[in-house]
Amino acid sequence: MRPMDWLDSVKWDAQGLVPVIAQEASSGDVLMFAWMNREALARTAEAGRAVYFSRSRGRLWHKGEESGHVQTVHEIRLDCDNDVVLLKVTQQGHEPGIACHTGRHSCFFQRLENGRWQPVEPVLKDPESIYR
């Protein structure tokens, strides 16, 4: 068996990507959703830090490369259909952790209330001060 055979078990989509959910290990909060290609998943497993594939930039994206808000990866899980990856992470770089580019803890900060999306989590840090 080759060392990277585990990557062959992942069902990659037509673009060679797999959806990834980042979940905070300590609280269970869902922090964000992103994509990985084979190289990103392999690098994440090797380094213990989240590396994603940016579809808009067309390249690997090391979480926190601009913001400093890196994700330390504790576990990598694959769902029952082998087509979604779950990362259990500790969000670094700010207390509490900021995973969202809007300066919030989680990207899932909007809740449907009375037919409208309402922000229900505060901005922890102004994004203008995070991204240069």
N, C-alpha and C. Protein backbone atom coordinates (compact mmCIF):
# COMPACT_ATOMS: atom_id res chain seq x y z
N MET A 1 0.84 -1.19 0.00
CA MET A 1 0.00 0.00 0.00
C MET A 1 0.88 1.25 0.00
N ARG A 2 0.58 2.19 -0.88
CA ARG A 2 1.33 3.43 -0.96
C ARG A 2 0.91 4.37 0.17
N PRO A 3 1.79 5.28 0.59
CA PRO A 3 1.49 6.17 1.71
C PRO A 3 0.28 7.10 1.49
N MET A 4 -0.05 7.44 0.28
CA MET A 4 -1.13 8.39 0.02
C MET A 4 -2.39 7.71 -0.52
N ASP A 5 -2.51 6.40 -0.36
CA ASP A 5 -3.69 5.67 -0.85
C ASP A 5 -4.98 6.18 -0.23
N TRP A 6 -4.92 6.71 0.98
CA TRP A 6 -6.12 7.20 1.65
C TRP A 6 -6.80 8.30 0.84
N LEU A 7 -6.03 9.05 0.06
CA LEU A 7 -6.60 10.10 -0.78
C LEU A 7 -7.45 9.52 -1.91
N ASP A 8 -7.15 8.29 -2.32
CA ASP A 8 -7.92 7.65 -3.39
C ASP A 8 -9.34 7.29 -2.95
N SER A 9 -9.57 7.23 -1.64
CA SER A 9 -10.91 6.91 -1.12
C SER A 9 -11.87 8.09 -1.21
N VAL A 10 -11.33 9.28 -1.36
CA VAL A 10 -12.16 10.48 -1.44
C VAL A 10 -12.81 10.55 -2.82
N LYS A 11 -14.12 10.86 -2.85
CA LYS A 11 -14.82 11.03 -4.12
C LYS A 11 -14.69 12.51 -4.52
N TRP A 12 -13.75 12.78 -5.37
CA TRP A 12 -13.50 14.13 -5.88
C TRP A 12 -14.54 14.46 -6.93
N ASP A 13 -14.96 15.72 -7.02
CA ASP A 13 -15.93 16.11 -8.05
C ASP A 13 -15.23 16.24 -9.40
N ALA A 14 -15.96 16.66 -10.41
CA ALA A 14 -15.42 16.76 -11.79
C ALA A 14 -14.25 17.73 -11.88
N GLN A 15 -14.17 18.69 -10.97
CA GLN A 15 -13.06 19.65 -10.95
C GLN A 15 -11.93 19.19 -10.04
N GLY A 16 -12.05 17.99 -9.49
CA GLY A 16 -11.02 17.46 -8.60
C GLY A 16 -11.08 18.06 -7.20
N LEU A 17 -12.29 18.49 -6.78
CA LEU A 17 -12.46 19.13 -5.48
C LEU A 17 -13.40 18.32 -4.59
N VAL A 18 -13.29 18.57 -3.29
CA VAL A 18 -14.19 17.99 -2.31
C VAL A 18 -14.61 19.11 -1.35
N PRO A 19 -15.90 19.17 -0.97
CA PRO A 19 -16.32 20.17 0.01
C PRO A 19 -15.79 19.84 1.40
N VAL A 20 -15.47 20.89 2.15
CA VAL A 20 -14.87 20.73 3.47
C VAL A 20 -15.60 21.63 4.47
N ILE A 21 -15.94 21.08 5.61
CA ILE A 21 -16.53 21.83 6.70
C ILE A 21 -15.48 21.92 7.80
N ALA A 22 -15.24 23.13 8.32
CA ALA A 22 -14.35 23.31 9.46
C ALA A 22 -15.21 23.52 10.69
N GLN A 23 -15.00 22.66 11.68
CA GLN A 23 -15.76 22.70 12.93
C GLN A 23 -14.79 22.93 14.09
N GLU A 24 -15.16 23.83 14.98
CA GLU A 24 -14.33 24.09 16.15
C GLU A 24 -14.37 22.87 17.07
N ALA A 25 -13.20 22.34 17.37
CA ALA A 25 -13.12 21.11 18.16
C ALA A 25 -13.68 21.31 19.57
N SER A 26 -13.42 22.46 20.18
CA SER A 26 -13.83 22.65 21.58
C SER A 26 -15.32 22.90 21.76
N SER A 27 -15.94 23.65 20.85
CA SER A 27 -17.35 24.04 21.03
C SER A 27 -18.32 23.29 20.13
N GLY A 28 -17.80 22.73 19.03
CA GLY A 28 -18.67 22.11 18.04
C GLY A 28 -19.24 23.10 17.05
N ASP A 29 -18.90 24.39 17.19
CA ASP A 29 -19.39 25.41 16.25
C ASP A 29 -18.90 25.10 14.83
N VAL A 30 -19.80 25.22 13.86
CA VAL A 30 -19.41 25.13 12.45
C VAL A 30 -18.85 26.50 12.08
N LEU A 31 -17.59 26.53 11.69
CA LEU A 31 -16.91 27.79 11.42
C LEU A 31 -17.02 28.23 9.98
N MET A 32 -16.81 27.29 9.06
CA MET A 32 -16.78 27.69 7.65
C MET A 32 -16.91 26.48 6.75
N PHE A 33 -17.14 26.78 5.48
CA PHE A 33 -17.21 25.81 4.40
C PHE A 33 -16.20 26.24 3.35
N ALA A 34 -15.48 25.30 2.78
CA ALA A 34 -14.50 25.63 1.74
C ALA A 34 -14.33 24.39 0.86
N TRP A 35 -13.35 24.46 -0.02
CA TRP A 35 -13.05 23.36 -0.94
C TRP A 35 -11.59 22.96 -0.77
N MET A 36 -11.30 21.70 -1.07
CA MET A 36 -9.93 21.21 -1.13
C MET A 36 -9.75 20.40 -2.40
N ASN A 37 -8.56 20.49 -2.95
CA ASN A 37 -8.17 19.53 -3.97
C ASN A 37 -7.25 18.51 -3.29
N ARG A 38 -6.77 17.57 -4.04
CA ARG A 38 -5.96 16.49 -3.48
C ARG A 38 -4.72 17.04 -2.77
N GLU A 39 -4.06 17.99 -3.38
CA GLU A 39 -2.84 18.56 -2.78
C GLU A 39 -3.16 19.29 -1.48
N ALA A 40 -4.26 20.03 -1.44
CA ALA A 40 -4.64 20.75 -0.22
C ALA A 40 -4.91 19.78 0.93
N LEU A 41 -5.63 18.70 0.64
CA LEU A 41 -5.93 17.73 1.69
C LEU A 41 -4.66 17.03 2.17
N ALA A 42 -3.79 16.68 1.24
CA ALA A 42 -2.53 16.04 1.61
C ALA A 42 -1.68 16.98 2.47
N ARG A 43 -1.59 18.25 2.09
CA ARG A 43 -0.81 19.22 2.87
C ARG A 43 -1.41 19.47 4.25
N THR A 44 -2.74 19.50 4.31
CA THR A 44 -3.41 19.67 5.59
C THR A 44 -3.07 18.52 6.53
N ALA A 45 -3.13 17.30 6.01
CA ALA A 45 -2.81 16.12 6.82
C ALA A 45 -1.35 16.12 7.26
N GLU A 46 -0.46 16.54 6.37
CA GLU A 46 0.98 16.55 6.68
C GLU A 46 1.33 17.62 7.71
N ALA A 47 0.78 18.82 7.54
CA ALA A 47 1.19 19.97 8.36
C ALA A 47 0.36 20.14 9.63
N GLY A 48 -0.85 19.58 9.64
CA GLY A 48 -1.72 19.80 10.78
C GLY A 48 -2.29 21.21 10.82
N ARG A 49 -2.25 21.89 9.69
CA ARG A 49 -2.83 23.22 9.52
C ARG A 49 -3.69 23.19 8.26
N ALA A 50 -4.82 23.91 8.30
CA ALA A 50 -5.76 23.86 7.19
C ALA A 50 -5.22 24.57 5.95
N VAL A 51 -5.27 23.85 4.84
CA VAL A 51 -4.93 24.38 3.52
C VAL A 51 -6.12 24.08 2.62
N TYR A 52 -6.66 25.10 1.99
CA TYR A 52 -7.83 24.94 1.13
C TYR A 52 -7.46 25.27 -0.31
N PHE A 53 -8.41 25.01 -1.21
CA PHE A 53 -8.24 25.41 -2.61
C PHE A 53 -9.22 26.54 -2.88
N SER A 54 -8.70 27.69 -3.28
CA SER A 54 -9.54 28.83 -3.61
C SER A 54 -9.95 28.73 -5.07
N ARG A 55 -11.25 28.55 -5.30
CA ARG A 55 -11.75 28.47 -6.67
C ARG A 55 -11.62 29.82 -7.37
N SER A 56 -11.83 30.91 -6.64
CA SER A 56 -11.76 32.23 -7.27
C SER A 56 -10.32 32.61 -7.64
N ARG A 57 -9.36 32.20 -6.82
CA ARG A 57 -7.95 32.49 -7.10
C ARG A 57 -7.28 31.41 -7.94
N GLY A 58 -7.91 30.22 -7.96
CA GLY A 58 -7.34 29.11 -8.72
C GLY A 58 -6.04 28.59 -8.14
N ARG A 59 -5.92 28.63 -6.80
CA ARG A 59 -4.67 28.18 -6.17
C ARG A 59 -4.93 27.74 -4.73
N LEU A 60 -3.91 27.09 -4.16
CA LEU A 60 -4.01 26.71 -2.75
C LEU A 60 -4.06 27.96 -1.89
N TRP A 61 -4.76 27.85 -0.78
CA TRP A 61 -4.94 28.96 0.13
C TRP A 61 -4.72 28.43 1.54
N HIS A 62 -3.66 28.88 2.17
CA HIS A 62 -3.36 28.50 3.54
C HIS A 62 -4.20 29.38 4.45
N LYS A 63 -5.15 28.78 5.18
CA LYS A 63 -6.02 29.55 6.05
C LYS A 63 -5.16 30.40 6.98
N GLY A 64 -5.41 31.70 6.97
CA GLY A 64 -4.65 32.62 7.82
C GLY A 64 -3.43 33.22 7.16
N GLU A 65 -3.22 32.93 5.86
CA GLU A 65 -2.01 33.45 5.20
C GLU A 65 -1.99 34.97 5.18
N GLU A 66 -3.15 35.61 5.12
CA GLU A 66 -3.21 37.07 5.17
C GLU A 66 -3.61 37.58 6.55
N SER A 67 -4.56 36.91 7.18
CA SER A 67 -5.14 37.39 8.43
C SER A 67 -4.38 36.95 9.67
N GLY A 68 -3.62 35.86 9.57
CA GLY A 68 -3.00 35.28 10.74
C GLY A 68 -3.93 34.36 11.51
N HIS A 69 -5.16 34.19 11.03
CA HIS A 69 -6.16 33.35 11.69
C HIS A 69 -6.09 31.92 11.16
N VAL A 70 -5.03 31.22 11.54
CA VAL A 70 -4.80 29.86 11.04
C VAL A 70 -5.68 28.87 11.78
N GLN A 71 -5.85 27.71 11.19
CA GLN A 71 -6.61 26.63 11.81
C GLN A 71 -5.68 25.45 12.07
N THR A 72 -5.51 25.11 13.34
CA THR A 72 -4.79 23.90 13.72
C THR A 72 -5.77 22.74 13.62
N VAL A 73 -5.39 21.72 12.88
CA VAL A 73 -6.28 20.59 12.60
C VAL A 73 -6.00 19.46 13.58
N HIS A 74 -7.04 19.03 14.29
CA HIS A 74 -6.93 17.93 15.25
C HIS A 74 -7.39 16.61 14.65
N GLU A 75 -8.43 16.66 13.82
CA GLU A 75 -8.95 15.45 13.18
C GLU A 75 -9.39 15.78 11.77
N ILE A 76 -9.26 14.80 10.90
CA ILE A 76 -9.81 14.87 9.54
C ILE A 76 -10.75 13.68 9.40
N ARG A 77 -12.00 13.97 9.09
CA ARG A 77 -13.00 12.91 8.94
C ARG A 77 -13.61 12.96 7.54
N LEU A 78 -14.08 11.81 7.10
CA LEU A 78 -14.72 11.68 5.79
C LEU A 78 -16.13 11.14 6.03
N ASP A 79 -17.12 11.72 5.36
CA ASP A 79 -18.50 11.29 5.58
C ASP A 79 -18.76 9.90 4.98
N CYS A 80 -19.97 9.40 5.20
CA CYS A 80 -20.33 8.03 4.80
C CYS A 80 -20.30 7.80 3.29
N ASP A 81 -20.47 8.87 2.50
CA ASP A 81 -20.42 8.73 1.04
C ASP A 81 -19.04 9.05 0.48
N ASN A 82 -18.11 9.38 1.35
CA ASN A 82 -16.73 9.72 0.97
C ASN A 82 -16.63 10.97 0.10
N ASP A 83 -17.65 11.86 0.22
CA ASP A 83 -17.62 13.04 -0.65
C ASP A 83 -17.70 14.37 0.10
N VAL A 84 -17.54 14.36 1.42
CA VAL A 84 -17.45 15.58 2.23
C VAL A 84 -16.44 15.34 3.34
N VAL A 85 -15.55 16.30 3.53
CA VAL A 85 -14.53 16.22 4.57
C VAL A 85 -14.92 17.14 5.72
N LEU A 86 -14.69 16.67 6.93
CA LEU A 86 -14.90 17.47 8.13
C LEU A 86 -13.55 17.63 8.82
N LEU A 87 -13.18 18.89 9.08
CA LEU A 87 -11.98 19.16 9.86
C LEU A 87 -12.41 19.60 11.25
N LYS A 88 -11.85 19.00 12.27
CA LYS A 88 -12.03 19.48 13.64
C LYS A 88 -10.80 20.31 13.95
N VAL A 89 -11.03 21.60 14.22
CA VAL A 89 -9.92 22.55 14.29
C VAL A 89 -9.97 23.40 15.56
N THR A 90 -8.83 24.02 15.84
CA THR A 90 -8.76 25.14 16.76
C THR A 90 -8.44 26.36 15.93
N GLN A 91 -9.29 27.35 16.02
CA GLN A 91 -9.11 28.59 15.27
C GLN A 91 -8.15 29.49 16.03
N GLN A 92 -7.03 29.81 15.42
CA GLN A 92 -5.96 30.59 16.06
C GLN A 92 -5.98 32.05 15.60
N GLY A 93 -5.20 32.88 16.28
CA GLY A 93 -4.94 34.24 15.81
C GLY A 93 -5.76 35.32 16.46
N HIS A 94 -6.78 34.98 17.22
CA HIS A 94 -7.62 35.96 17.89
C HIS A 94 -8.42 35.20 18.92
N GLU A 95 -8.76 35.83 20.02
CA GLU A 95 -9.60 35.19 21.03
C GLU A 95 -10.86 36.01 21.23
N PRO A 96 -12.07 35.50 20.99
CA PRO A 96 -12.30 34.17 20.42
C PRO A 96 -11.86 34.09 18.96
N GLY A 97 -11.75 32.87 18.46
CA GLY A 97 -11.26 32.65 17.10
C GLY A 97 -12.14 33.30 16.05
N ILE A 98 -11.48 33.82 15.02
CA ILE A 98 -12.17 34.43 13.87
C ILE A 98 -11.90 33.54 12.66
N ALA A 99 -12.95 32.95 12.12
CA ALA A 99 -12.82 32.11 10.93
C ALA A 99 -13.30 32.84 9.68
N CYS A 100 -14.19 33.83 9.86
CA CYS A 100 -14.84 34.47 8.72
C CYS A 100 -14.12 35.75 8.30
N HIS A 101 -14.08 35.98 6.98
CA HIS A 101 -13.44 37.19 6.45
C HIS A 101 -14.19 38.46 6.83
N THR A 102 -15.40 38.32 7.40
CA THR A 102 -16.16 39.49 7.87
C THR A 102 -15.74 39.90 9.28
N GLY A 103 -14.80 39.15 9.87
CA GLY A 103 -14.33 39.45 11.22
C GLY A 103 -15.16 38.76 12.30
N ARG A 104 -15.98 37.81 11.91
CA ARG A 104 -16.81 37.07 12.86
C ARG A 104 -16.22 35.70 13.16
N HIS A 105 -16.70 35.13 14.26
CA HIS A 105 -16.25 33.80 14.68
C HIS A 105 -16.54 32.75 13.62
N SER A 106 -17.75 32.78 13.08
CA SER A 106 -18.20 31.78 12.11
C SER A 106 -18.72 32.47 10.85
N CYS A 107 -18.57 31.80 9.73
CA CYS A 107 -19.15 32.30 8.49
C CYS A 107 -20.68 32.17 8.50
N PHE A 108 -21.21 31.36 9.38
CA PHE A 108 -22.65 31.12 9.45
C PHE A 108 -23.26 32.03 10.52
N PHE A 109 -23.19 33.32 10.28
CA PHE A 109 -23.63 34.31 11.26
C PHE A 109 -25.01 34.89 10.97
N GLN A 110 -25.64 34.46 9.88
CA GLN A 110 -26.96 34.97 9.53
C GLN A 110 -28.03 33.90 9.79
N ARG A 111 -29.12 34.32 10.41
CA ARG A 111 -30.21 33.41 10.72
C ARG A 111 -31.48 33.94 10.07
N LEU A 112 -32.28 33.04 9.52
CA LEU A 112 -33.55 33.42 8.91
C LEU A 112 -34.56 33.74 10.00
N GLU A 113 -35.04 34.99 10.01
CA GLU A 113 -36.03 35.44 10.98
C GLU A 113 -37.09 36.25 10.25
N ASN A 114 -38.32 35.79 10.33
CA ASN A 114 -39.43 36.51 9.70
C ASN A 114 -39.18 36.80 8.22
N GLY A 115 -38.66 35.81 7.50
CA GLY A 115 -38.45 35.95 6.07
C GLY A 115 -37.25 36.79 5.67
N ARG A 116 -36.35 37.11 6.62
CA ARG A 116 -35.16 37.91 6.31
C ARG A 116 -33.94 37.31 6.99
N TRP A 117 -32.79 37.48 6.37
CA TRP A 117 -31.54 37.04 6.97
C TRP A 117 -31.05 38.12 7.92
N GLN A 118 -30.88 37.76 9.17
CA GLN A 118 -30.43 38.70 10.20
C GLN A 118 -29.08 38.25 10.75
N PRO A 119 -28.10 39.18 10.82
CA PRO A 119 -26.83 38.82 11.46
C PRO A 119 -27.07 38.62 12.96
N VAL A 120 -26.60 37.49 13.49
CA VAL A 120 -26.82 37.18 14.90
C VAL A 120 -25.52 36.96 15.67
N GLU A 121 -24.40 37.18 15.00
CA GLU A 121 -23.10 37.11 15.67
C GLU A 121 -22.37 38.42 15.43
N PRO A 122 -21.68 38.91 16.46
CA PRO A 122 -21.00 40.20 16.34
C PRO A 122 -19.72 40.13 15.51
N VAL A 123 -19.34 41.27 14.95
CA VAL A 123 -18.03 41.41 14.33
C VAL A 123 -17.04 41.54 15.48
N LEU A 124 -16.07 40.64 15.53
CA LEU A 124 -15.08 40.64 16.61
C LEU A 124 -13.90 41.55 16.31
N LYS A 125 -13.64 41.72 15.02
CA LYS A 125 -12.53 42.59 14.59
C LYS A 125 -12.87 43.12 13.21
N ASP A 126 -12.66 44.41 13.02
CA ASP A 126 -12.94 45.07 11.75
C ASP A 126 -12.11 44.41 10.64
N PRO A 127 -12.78 43.90 9.59
CA PRO A 127 -12.04 43.24 8.50
C PRO A 127 -11.01 44.15 7.85
N GLU A 128 -11.26 45.46 7.84
CA GLU A 128 -10.30 46.40 7.26
C GLU A 128 -8.95 46.34 7.99
N SER A 129 -8.99 46.01 9.29
CA SER A 129 -7.74 45.92 10.05
C SER A 129 -7.10 44.54 9.95
N ILE A 130 -7.86 43.56 9.44
CA ILE A 130 -7.35 42.20 9.30
C ILE A 130 -6.62 42.01 7.98
N TYR A 131 -7.24 42.50 6.90
CA TYR A 131 -6.72 42.28 5.54
C TYR A 131 -6.13 43.57 5.01
N ARG A 132 -4.92 43.46 4.53
CA ARG A 132 -4.22 44.65 4.04
C ARG A 132 -4.38 44.80 2.56
